[in-house]
Amino acid sequence: MVTAQRPSALITGGGTGIGAACAERLAGMGFDVILAGRRFEPLAQVAARIGAAASTLILDVADADAVSAALAHLPQLDVVINNAGGALGLAPISEADDEQWRAMFEVNVLGTVHIVRAALPLLRRSPRATIIDISSTAGEIVYEGGAGYAVAKHGTSVISETLRLELSGTHIRVTDIRPGMVATDGFALTRFGGDAERAASVYAGVDRPLVADDVAACVEFVVGLPQHVNIDVLTVRPVAQAAQHKTHRGPIDWQTG
């Protein structure tokens, strides 16, 4: 049950992966967390782990009217984490699937716009107002087969950059977090239509790819800074991924002691 006495955070895509990890981190900081997503079961599972600080909200961020209606009922909002997104397919542009591109654009770009637009009236009243957009290093550097996802995630980053300019002179912080390779249960599996073997190959031989909680730790850091401190862009990769196009596959000589 979300209360009015504690700060509150809305996390889209809050039932799995990075979104779920962010919810657990923010709850640990004393936030009430609103887990938003399209499927009730994963949201309920995360909420059960967190306990009384968590509530669920069935929401498709691509539906502008549904977003407006849902957020209109919130009494307050202090932090928004635009995490809903994802990649579909790895086809070259010559074989691009229009529906996959459209779906990626609607969630990663329009979904972010819908949430921000509906949340801003609430955020303007919050002393801790912070918007965090989870984009990707794919939005910075393209790769074969990744054009649709790169376009969508570049769009997410552009929203962050533009919003920061448009909110200049207000107290609202806007941060764009750009993860590199993150091994989560669903990302690659969704991209490859449930092909578990192909999904596993993405991380094959990579010594310690990022996990969802690594990105959530970055979110926790950003949110916990004094309100006058804004992290414009935070790019985070595993040590094994030196750049978007340079990933070491094999053991790394981690030192101990």
C-alpha atoms as a PDB file:
ATOM      1  CA  MET A   1       0.000   0.000   0.000  1.00  0.00           C
ATOM      2  CA  VAL A   2       1.551   3.304  -1.104  1.00  0.00           C
ATOM      3  CA  THR A   3       1.383   5.956   1.591  1.00  0.00           C
ATOM      4  CA  ALA A   4       1.596   9.738   1.411  1.00  0.00           C
ATOM      5  CA  GLN A   5       4.273  10.000   4.110  1.00  0.00           C
ATOM      6  CA  ARG A   6       7.095   8.323   2.198  1.00  0.00           C
ATOM      7  CA  PRO A   7       8.607   9.292  -1.167  1.00  0.00           C
ATOM      8  CA  SER A   8       7.246   7.276  -4.059  1.00  0.00           C
ATOM      9  CA  ALA A   9       8.778   5.937  -7.250  1.00  0.00           C
ATOM     10  CA  LEU A  10       7.101   4.674 -10.406  1.00  0.00           C
ATOM     11  CA  ILE A  11       9.071   1.982 -12.227  1.00  0.00           C
ATOM     12  CA  THR A  12       7.903   0.824 -15.647  1.00  0.00           C
ATOM     13  CA  GLY A  13       8.813  -2.705 -16.617  1.00  0.00           C
ATOM     14  CA  GLY A  14       8.931  -3.306 -12.881  1.00  0.00           C
ATOM     15  CA  GLY A  15       8.166  -7.021 -12.936  1.00  0.00           C
ATOM     16  CA  THR A  16      11.443  -8.338 -14.325  1.00  0.00           C
ATOM     17  CA  GLY A  17      15.143  -7.661 -14.763  1.00  0.00           C
ATOM     18  CA  ILE A  18      16.419  -4.146 -14.243  1.00  0.00           C
ATOM     19  CA  GLY A  19      13.016  -2.781 -13.266  1.00  0.00           C
ATOM     20  CA  ALA A  20      12.552  -5.333 -10.495  1.00  0.00           C
ATOM     21  CA  ALA A  21      16.093  -4.741  -9.219  1.00  0.00           C
ATOM     22  CA  CYS A  22      15.490  -0.973  -9.180  1.00  0.00           C
ATOM     23  CA  ALA A  23      12.311  -1.487  -7.187  1.00  0.00           C
ATOM     24  CA  GLU A  24      14.138  -3.496  -4.542  1.00  0.00           C
ATOM     25  CA  ARG A  25      16.933  -0.932  -4.301  1.00  0.00           C
ATOM     26  CA  LEU A  26      14.574   2.029  -3.969  1.00  0.00           C
ATOM     27  CA  ALA A  27      12.403   0.247  -1.433  1.00  0.00           C
ATOM     28  CA  GLY A  28      15.581  -0.245   0.568  1.00  0.00           C
ATOM     29  CA  MET A  29      16.109   3.531   0.404  1.00  0.00           C
ATOM     30  CA  GLY A  30      12.726   4.136   2.008  1.00  0.00           C
ATOM     31  CA  PHE A  31      10.619   4.637  -1.113  1.00  0.00           C
ATOM     32  CA  ASP A  32       7.195   3.257  -1.768  1.00  0.00           C
ATOM     33  CA  VAL A  33       7.504   1.700  -5.214  1.00  0.00           C
ATOM     34  CA  ILE A  34       4.810   1.399  -7.857  1.00  0.00           C
ATOM     35  CA  LEU A  35       5.590  -1.517 -10.153  1.00  0.00           C
ATOM     36  CA  ALA A  36       4.077  -0.919 -13.579  1.00  0.00           C
ATOM     37  CA  GLY A  37       3.871  -3.467 -16.376  1.00  0.00           C
ATOM     38  CA  ARG A  38       1.563  -5.364 -18.684  1.00  0.00           C
ATOM     39  CA  ARG A  39       1.563  -8.716 -16.867  1.00  0.00           C
ATOM     40  CA  PHE A  40       0.253  -9.086 -13.326  1.00  0.00           C
ATOM     41  CA  GLU A  41       2.065 -12.262 -12.267  1.00  0.00           C
ATOM     42  CA  PRO A  42       5.681 -11.013 -12.438  1.00  0.00           C
ATOM     43  CA  LEU A  43       4.656  -7.700 -10.861  1.00  0.00           C
ATOM     44  CA  ALA A  44       2.957  -9.550  -8.002  1.00  0.00           C
ATOM     45  CA  GLN A  45       6.017 -11.737  -7.441  1.00  0.00           C
ATOM     46  CA  VAL A  46       8.298  -8.717  -7.102  1.00  0.00           C
ATOM     47  CA  ALA A  47       5.795  -6.933  -4.880  1.00  0.00           C
ATOM     48  CA  ALA A  48       5.612  -9.992  -2.618  1.00  0.00           C
ATOM     49  CA  ARG A  49       9.395  -9.994  -2.211  1.00  0.00           C
ATOM     50  CA  ILE A  50       9.450  -6.303  -1.339  1.00  0.00           C
ATOM     51  CA  GLY A  51       6.458  -6.313   0.969  1.00  0.00           C
ATOM     52  CA  ALA A  52       4.300  -3.421   2.130  1.00  0.00           C
ATOM     53  CA  ALA A  53       6.369  -0.776   0.321  1.00  0.00           C
ATOM     54  CA  ALA A  54       5.322  -2.110  -3.100  1.00  0.00           C
ATOM     55  CA  SER A  55       2.130  -1.850  -5.129  1.00  0.00           C
ATOM     56  CA  THR A  56       1.357  -3.003  -8.663  1.00  0.00           C
ATOM     57  CA  LEU A  57      -0.099  -1.184 -11.647  1.00  0.00           C
ATOM     58  CA  ILE A  58      -1.165  -3.029 -14.790  1.00  0.00           C
ATOM     59  CA  LEU A  59      -0.167  -0.627 -17.546  1.00  0.00           C
ATOM     60  CA  ASP A  60       0.866  -0.607 -21.191  1.00  0.00           C
ATOM     61  CA  VAL A  61       3.093   2.451 -21.552  1.00  0.00           C
ATOM     62  CA  ALA A  62       2.356   2.555 -25.286  1.00  0.00           C
ATOM     63  CA  ASP A  63      -1.295   3.403 -24.475  1.00  0.00           C
ATOM     64  CA  ALA A  64      -1.264   7.161 -23.871  1.00  0.00           C
ATOM     65  CA  ASP A  65      -4.825   7.313 -22.507  1.00  0.00           C
ATOM     66  CA  ALA A  66      -4.204   4.469 -20.070  1.00  0.00           C
ATOM     67  CA  VAL A  67      -1.033   6.139 -18.804  1.00  0.00           C
ATOM     68  CA  SER A  68      -2.778   9.480 -18.288  1.00  0.00           C
ATOM     69  CA  ALA A  69      -5.663   7.849 -16.438  1.00  0.00           C
ATOM     70  CA  ALA A  70      -3.422   5.741 -14.209  1.00  0.00           C
ATOM     71  CA  LEU A  71      -1.114   8.549 -13.134  1.00  0.00           C
ATOM     72  CA  ALA A  72      -4.010  10.937 -12.578  1.00  0.00           C
ATOM     73  CA  HIS A  73      -4.984   8.807  -9.575  1.00  0.00           C
ATOM     74  CA  LEU A  74      -1.591   9.033  -7.857  1.00  0.00           C
ATOM     75  CA  PRO A  75      -1.493  11.393  -4.863  1.00  0.00           C
ATOM     76  CA  GLN A  76       2.228  12.057  -5.277  1.00  0.00           C
ATOM     77  CA  LEU A  77       5.251  11.013  -7.293  1.00  0.00           C
ATOM     78  CA  ASP A  78       8.914  11.737  -6.609  1.00  0.00           C
ATOM     79  CA  VAL A  79      10.926   9.493  -8.915  1.00  0.00           C
ATOM     80  CA  VAL A  80      10.127   8.036 -12.331  1.00  0.00           C
ATOM     81  CA  ILE A  81      12.214   5.261 -13.838  1.00  0.00           C
ATOM     82  CA  ASN A  82      11.416   4.702 -17.505  1.00  0.00           C
ATOM     83  CA  ASN A  83      12.667   1.146 -17.819  1.00  0.00           C
ATOM     84  CA  ALA A  84      10.029  -0.503 -20.029  1.00  0.00           C
ATOM     85  CA  GLY A  85      11.576  -1.342 -23.378  1.00  0.00           C
ATOM     86  CA  GLY A  86      13.412  -4.151 -25.053  1.00  0.00           C
ATOM     87  CA  ALA A  87      14.705  -5.423 -28.369  1.00  0.00           C
ATOM     88  CA  LEU A  88      12.986  -7.541 -30.997  1.00  0.00           C
ATOM     89  CA  GLY A  89      14.874  -9.467 -33.661  1.00  0.00           C
ATOM     90  CA  LEU A  90      18.319  -9.111 -35.163  1.00  0.00           C
ATOM     91  CA  ALA A  91      17.483  -8.867 -38.857  1.00  0.00           C
ATOM     92  CA  PRO A  92      19.413  -6.620 -41.256  1.00  0.00           C
ATOM     93  CA  ILE A  93      17.638  -3.537 -42.552  1.00  0.00           C
ATOM     94  CA  SER A  94      17.026  -5.261 -45.904  1.00  0.00           C
ATOM     95  CA  GLU A  95      14.875  -7.805 -44.037  1.00  0.00           C
ATOM     96  CA  ALA A  96      13.467  -5.500 -41.351  1.00  0.00           C
ATOM     97  CA  ASP A  97      10.163  -6.482 -39.780  1.00  0.00           C
ATOM     98  CA  ASP A  98       8.007  -3.358 -39.670  1.00  0.00           C
ATOM     99  CA  GLU A  99       5.946  -4.631 -36.747  1.00  0.00           C
ATOM    100  CA  GLN A 100       9.039  -5.300 -34.640  1.00  0.00           C
ATOM    101  CA  TRP A 101      10.389  -1.826 -35.368  1.00  0.00           C
ATOM    102  CA  ARG A 102       7.003  -0.277 -34.578  1.00  0.00           C
ATOM    103  CA  ALA A 103       6.722  -2.167 -31.297  1.00  0.00           C
ATOM    104  CA  MET A 104      10.219  -1.116 -30.203  1.00  0.00           C
ATOM    105  CA  PHE A 105       9.520   2.507 -31.060  1.00  0.00           C
ATOM    106  CA  GLU A 106       6.149   2.541 -29.313  1.00  0.00           C
ATOM    107  CA  VAL A 107       7.529   1.209 -26.021  1.00  0.00           C
ATOM    108  CA  ASN A 108      11.025   2.726 -25.877  1.00  0.00           C
ATOM    109  CA  VAL A 109      10.164   6.130 -27.323  1.00  0.00           C
ATOM    110  CA  LEU A 110       6.438   6.870 -27.161  1.00  0.00           C
ATOM    111  CA  GLY A 111       6.099   4.960 -23.899  1.00  0.00           C
ATOM    112  CA  THR A 112       8.728   7.187 -22.312  1.00  0.00           C
ATOM    113  CA  VAL A 113       6.984  10.301 -23.639  1.00  0.00           C
ATOM    114  CA  HIS A 114       3.610   9.144 -22.300  1.00  0.00           C
ATOM    115  CA  ILE A 115       4.979   8.497 -18.812  1.00  0.00           C
ATOM    116  CA  VAL A 116       6.946  11.746 -18.620  1.00  0.00           C
ATOM    117  CA  ARG A 117       4.046  13.851 -19.874  1.00  0.00           C
ATOM    118  CA  ALA A 118       1.645  12.360 -17.326  1.00  0.00           C
ATOM    119  CA  ALA A 119       4.168  12.445 -14.467  1.00  0.00           C
ATOM    120  CA  LEU A 120       5.420  16.027 -14.794  1.00  0.00           C
ATOM    121  CA  PRO A 121       2.522  17.709 -12.923  1.00  0.00           C
ATOM    122  CA  LEU A 122       3.218  15.444  -9.938  1.00  0.00           C
ATOM    123  CA  LEU A 123       6.991  15.807 -10.168  1.00  0.00           C
ATOM    124  CA  ARG A 124       6.770  19.602 -10.192  1.00  0.00           C
ATOM    125  CA  ARG A 125       5.335  19.381  -6.656  1.00  0.00           C
ATOM    126  CA  SER A 126       8.008  17.005  -5.345  1.00  0.00           C
ATOM    127  CA  PRO A 127      11.205  18.203  -3.658  1.00  0.00           C
ATOM    128  CA  ARG A 128      12.967  15.013  -4.863  1.00  0.00           C
ATOM    129  CA  ALA A 129      11.764  15.072  -8.466  1.00  0.00           C
ATOM    130  CA  THR A 130      13.939  12.816 -10.604  1.00  0.00           C
ATOM    131  CA  ILE A 131      13.411  11.202 -14.009  1.00  0.00           C
ATOM    132  CA  ILE A 132      15.691   8.327 -14.949  1.00  0.00           C
ATOM    133  CA  ASP A 133      15.519   6.901 -18.455  1.00  0.00           C
ATOM    134  CA  ILE A 134      17.106   3.502 -19.022  1.00  0.00           C
ATOM    135  CA  SER A 135      18.403   3.613 -22.582  1.00  0.00           C
ATOM    136  CA  SER A 136      21.401   1.636 -23.900  1.00  0.00           C
ATOM    137  CA  THR A 137      24.886   1.869 -25.322  1.00  0.00           C
ATOM    138  CA  ALA A 138      23.157   0.642 -28.490  1.00  0.00           C
ATOM    139  CA  GLY A 139      21.752   4.139 -28.791  1.00  0.00           C
ATOM    140  CA  GLU A 140      25.321   5.471 -29.085  1.00  0.00           C
ATOM    141  CA  ILE A 141      26.984   2.981 -31.450  1.00  0.00           C
ATOM    142  CA  VAL A 142      25.191   0.832 -34.019  1.00  0.00           C
ATOM    143  CA  TYR A 143      25.841  -2.775 -34.971  1.00  0.00           C
ATOM    144  CA  GLU A 144      24.686  -5.083 -37.757  1.00  0.00           C
ATOM    145  CA  GLY A 145      21.170  -6.314 -37.206  1.00  0.00           C
ATOM    146  CA  GLY A 146      20.547  -3.864 -34.399  1.00  0.00           C
ATOM    147  CA  ALA A 147      19.257  -0.846 -36.292  1.00  0.00           C
ATOM    148  CA  GLY A 148      15.695  -1.011 -34.974  1.00  0.00           C
ATOM    149  CA  TYR A 149      16.787  -1.269 -31.355  1.00  0.00           C
ATOM    150  CA  ALA A 150      19.501   1.360 -31.817  1.00  0.00           C
ATOM    151  CA  VAL A 151      16.976   3.785 -33.319  1.00  0.00           C
ATOM    152  CA  ALA A 152      14.585   3.205 -30.420  1.00  0.00           C
ATOM    153  CA  LYS A 153      17.206   3.579 -27.687  1.00  0.00           C
ATOM    154  CA  HIS A 154      18.729   6.624 -29.348  1.00  0.00           C
ATOM    155  CA  GLY A 155      15.224   8.045 -29.200  1.00  0.00           C
ATOM    156  CA  THR A 156      15.081   7.372 -25.451  1.00  0.00           C
ATOM    157  CA  SER A 157      18.360   9.250 -24.992  1.00  0.00           C
ATOM    158  CA  VAL A 158      17.155  12.138 -27.136  1.00  0.00           C
ATOM    159  CA  ILE A 159      14.102  12.477 -24.908  1.00  0.00           C
ATOM    160  CA  SER A 160      16.385  12.746 -21.857  1.00  0.00           C
ATOM    161  CA  GLU A 161      18.636  15.312 -23.488  1.00  0.00           C
ATOM    162  CA  THR A 162      15.766  17.464 -24.739  1.00  0.00           C
ATOM    163  CA  LEU A 163      13.778  17.233 -21.524  1.00  0.00           C
ATOM    164  CA  ARG A 164      16.780  18.437 -19.534  1.00  0.00           C
ATOM    165  CA  LEU A 165      16.895  21.560 -21.694  1.00  0.00           C
ATOM    166  CA  GLU A 166      13.156  22.129 -21.484  1.00  0.00           C
ATOM    167  CA  LEU A 167      13.164  21.780 -17.687  1.00  0.00           C
ATOM    168  CA  SER A 168      16.101  24.133 -17.223  1.00  0.00           C
ATOM    169  CA  GLY A 169      15.345  26.472 -14.350  1.00  0.00           C
ATOM    170  CA  THR A 170      13.254  23.887 -12.492  1.00  0.00           C
ATOM    171  CA  HIS A 171      14.365  21.533  -9.730  1.00  0.00           C
ATOM    172  CA  ILE A 172      13.604  18.358 -11.734  1.00  0.00           C
ATOM    173  CA  ARG A 173      16.597  16.143 -12.469  1.00  0.00           C
ATOM    174  CA  VAL A 174      16.841  14.093 -15.673  1.00  0.00           C
ATOM    175  CA  THR A 175      19.348  11.248 -16.030  1.00  0.00           C
ATOM    176  CA  ASP A 176      19.991   8.910 -18.946  1.00  0.00           C
ATOM    177  CA  ILE A 177      21.523   5.591 -17.874  1.00  0.00           C
ATOM    178  CA  ARG A 178      23.035   3.639 -20.750  1.00  0.00           C
ATOM    179  CA  PRO A 179      23.831   0.004 -19.899  1.00  0.00           C
ATOM    180  CA  GLY A 180      25.979  -2.196 -22.063  1.00  0.00           C
ATOM    181  CA  MET A 181      25.800  -5.986 -21.832  1.00  0.00           C
ATOM    182  CA  VAL A 182      23.407  -6.995 -19.053  1.00  0.00           C
ATOM    183  CA  ALA A 183      22.561 -10.661 -18.563  1.00  0.00           C
ATOM    184  CA  THR A 184      18.907 -10.820 -17.530  1.00  0.00           C
ATOM    185  CA  ASP A 185      16.412 -13.650 -17.791  1.00  0.00           C
ATOM    186  CA  GLY A 186      14.252 -12.018 -20.410  1.00  0.00           C
ATOM    187  CA  PHE A 187      16.100  -9.551 -22.648  1.00  0.00           C
ATOM    188  CA  ALA A 188      17.829 -11.840 -25.156  1.00  0.00           C
ATOM    189  CA  LEU A 189      15.087 -14.459 -24.880  1.00  0.00           C
ATOM    190  CA  THR A 190      12.513 -11.867 -25.958  1.00  0.00           C
ATOM    191  CA  ARG A 191      14.747 -10.597 -28.734  1.00  0.00           C
ATOM    192  CA  PHE A 192      15.069 -14.059 -30.246  1.00  0.00           C
ATOM    193  CA  GLY A 193      11.446 -15.084 -29.861  1.00  0.00           C
ATOM    194  CA  GLY A 194      12.022 -17.545 -27.022  1.00  0.00           C
ATOM    195  CA  ASP A 195      15.028 -19.308 -28.608  1.00  0.00           C
ATOM    196  CA  ALA A 196      16.937 -20.128 -25.399  1.00  0.00           C
ATOM    197  CA  GLU A 197      20.045 -21.447 -27.153  1.00  0.00           C
ATOM    198  CA  ARG A 198      20.431 -18.349 -29.285  1.00  0.00           C
ATOM    199  CA  ALA A 199      19.752 -16.103 -26.289  1.00  0.00           C
ATOM    200  CA  ALA A 200      22.440 -17.863 -24.234  1.00  0.00           C
ATOM    201  CA  SER A 201      24.979 -17.392 -27.032  1.00  0.00           C
ATOM    202  CA  VAL A 202      24.886 -13.615 -26.500  1.00  0.00           C
ATOM    203  CA  TYR A 203      26.672 -14.030 -23.161  1.00  0.00           C
ATOM    204  CA  ALA A 204      28.727 -17.128 -24.010  1.00  0.00           C
ATOM    205  CA  GLY A 205      32.274 -16.912 -22.665  1.00  0.00           C
ATOM    206  CA  VAL A 206      31.795 -13.446 -21.147  1.00  0.00           C
ATOM    207  CA  ASP A 207      33.392 -13.382 -17.698  1.00  0.00           C
ATOM    208  CA  ARG A 208      30.978 -11.511 -15.435  1.00  0.00           C
ATOM    209  CA  PRO A 209      28.555  -9.582 -17.651  1.00  0.00           C
ATOM    210  CA  LEU A 210      26.502  -7.007 -15.810  1.00  0.00           C
ATOM    211  CA  VAL A 211      23.428  -8.220 -13.955  1.00  0.00           C
ATOM    212  CA  ALA A 212      20.241  -6.271 -13.299  1.00  0.00           C
ATOM    213  CA  ASP A 213      21.302  -5.240  -9.796  1.00  0.00           C
ATOM    214  CA  ASP A 214      24.455  -3.582 -11.178  1.00  0.00           C
ATOM    215  CA  VAL A 215      22.281  -1.170 -13.153  1.00  0.00           C
ATOM    216  CA  ALA A 216      19.957  -0.759 -10.174  1.00  0.00           C
ATOM    217  CA  ALA A 217      22.963   0.236  -8.058  1.00  0.00           C
ATOM    218  CA  CYS A 218      23.598   3.058 -10.542  1.00  0.00           C
ATOM    219  CA  VAL A 219      19.967   4.144 -10.208  1.00  0.00           C
ATOM    220  CA  GLU A 220      20.283   4.096  -6.422  1.00  0.00           C
ATOM    221  CA  PHE A 221      23.410   6.258  -6.656  1.00  0.00           C
ATOM    222  CA  VAL A 222      21.718   8.836  -8.899  1.00  0.00           C
ATOM    223  CA  VAL A 223      18.576   9.049  -6.783  1.00  0.00           C
ATOM    224  CA  GLY A 224      20.547   9.345  -3.556  1.00  0.00           C
ATOM    225  CA  LEU A 225      22.584  12.368  -4.616  1.00  0.00           C
ATOM    226  CA  PRO A 226      21.654  15.835  -3.315  1.00  0.00           C
ATOM    227  CA  GLN A 227      18.896  17.396  -5.420  1.00  0.00           C
ATOM    228  CA  HIS A 228      21.212  20.005  -6.915  1.00  0.00           C
ATOM    229  CA  VAL A 229      23.448  17.258  -8.361  1.00  0.00           C
ATOM    230  CA  ASN A 230      22.402  15.814 -11.720  1.00  0.00           C
ATOM    231  CA  ILE A 231      24.129  12.972 -13.574  1.00  0.00           C
ATOM    232  CA  ASP A 232      23.324  13.795 -17.185  1.00  0.00           C
ATOM    233  CA  VAL A 233      24.506  10.504 -18.699  1.00  0.00           C
ATOM    234  CA  LEU A 234      25.841   7.388 -16.994  1.00  0.00           C
ATOM    235  CA  THR A 235      27.264   4.690 -19.274  1.00  0.00           C
ATOM    236  CA  VAL A 236      27.876   1.373 -17.519  1.00  0.00           C
ATOM    237  CA  ARG A 237      29.439  -1.747 -19.020  1.00  0.00           C
ATOM    238  CA  PRO A 238      31.045  -4.911 -17.688  1.00  0.00           C
ATOM    239  CA  VAL A 239      34.849  -4.906 -17.655  1.00  0.00           C
ATOM    240  CA  ALA A 240      34.729  -7.575 -20.368  1.00  0.00           C
ATOM    241  CA  GLN A 241      32.998  -5.154 -22.752  1.00  0.00           C
ATOM    242  CA  ALA A 242      35.537  -2.478 -23.612  1.00  0.00           C
ATOM    243  CA  ALA A 243      33.196  -0.908 -26.177  1.00  0.00           C
ATOM    244  CA  GLN A 244      29.951  -1.707 -27.935  1.00  0.00           C
ATOM    245  CA  HIS A 245      31.904  -3.554 -30.631  1.00  0.00           C
ATOM    246  CA  LYS A 246      34.659  -5.011 -28.397  1.00  0.00           C
ATOM    247  CA  THR A 247      33.713  -7.808 -25.994  1.00  0.00           C
ATOM    248  CA  HIS A 248      36.280 -10.160 -24.504  1.00  0.00           C
ATOM    249  CA  ARG A 249      35.101 -13.768 -24.431  1.00  0.00           C
ATOM    250  CA  GLY A 250      37.255 -15.796 -22.109  1.00  0.00           C
ATOM    251  CA  PRO A 251      38.534 -15.686 -18.530  1.00  0.00           C
ATOM    252  CA  ILE A 252      39.714 -12.449 -16.914  1.00  0.00           C
ATOM    253  CA  ASP A 253      42.500 -12.482 -14.318  1.00  0.00           C
ATOM    254  CA  TRP A 254      40.456 -11.061 -11.456  1.00  0.00           C
ATOM    255  CA  GLN A 255      42.712 -10.235  -8.519  1.00  0.00           C
ATOM    256  CA  THR A 256      41.776 -10.965  -4.932  1.00  0.00           C
ATOM    257  CA  GLY A 257      43.106  -9.793  -1.602  1.00  0.00           C
END
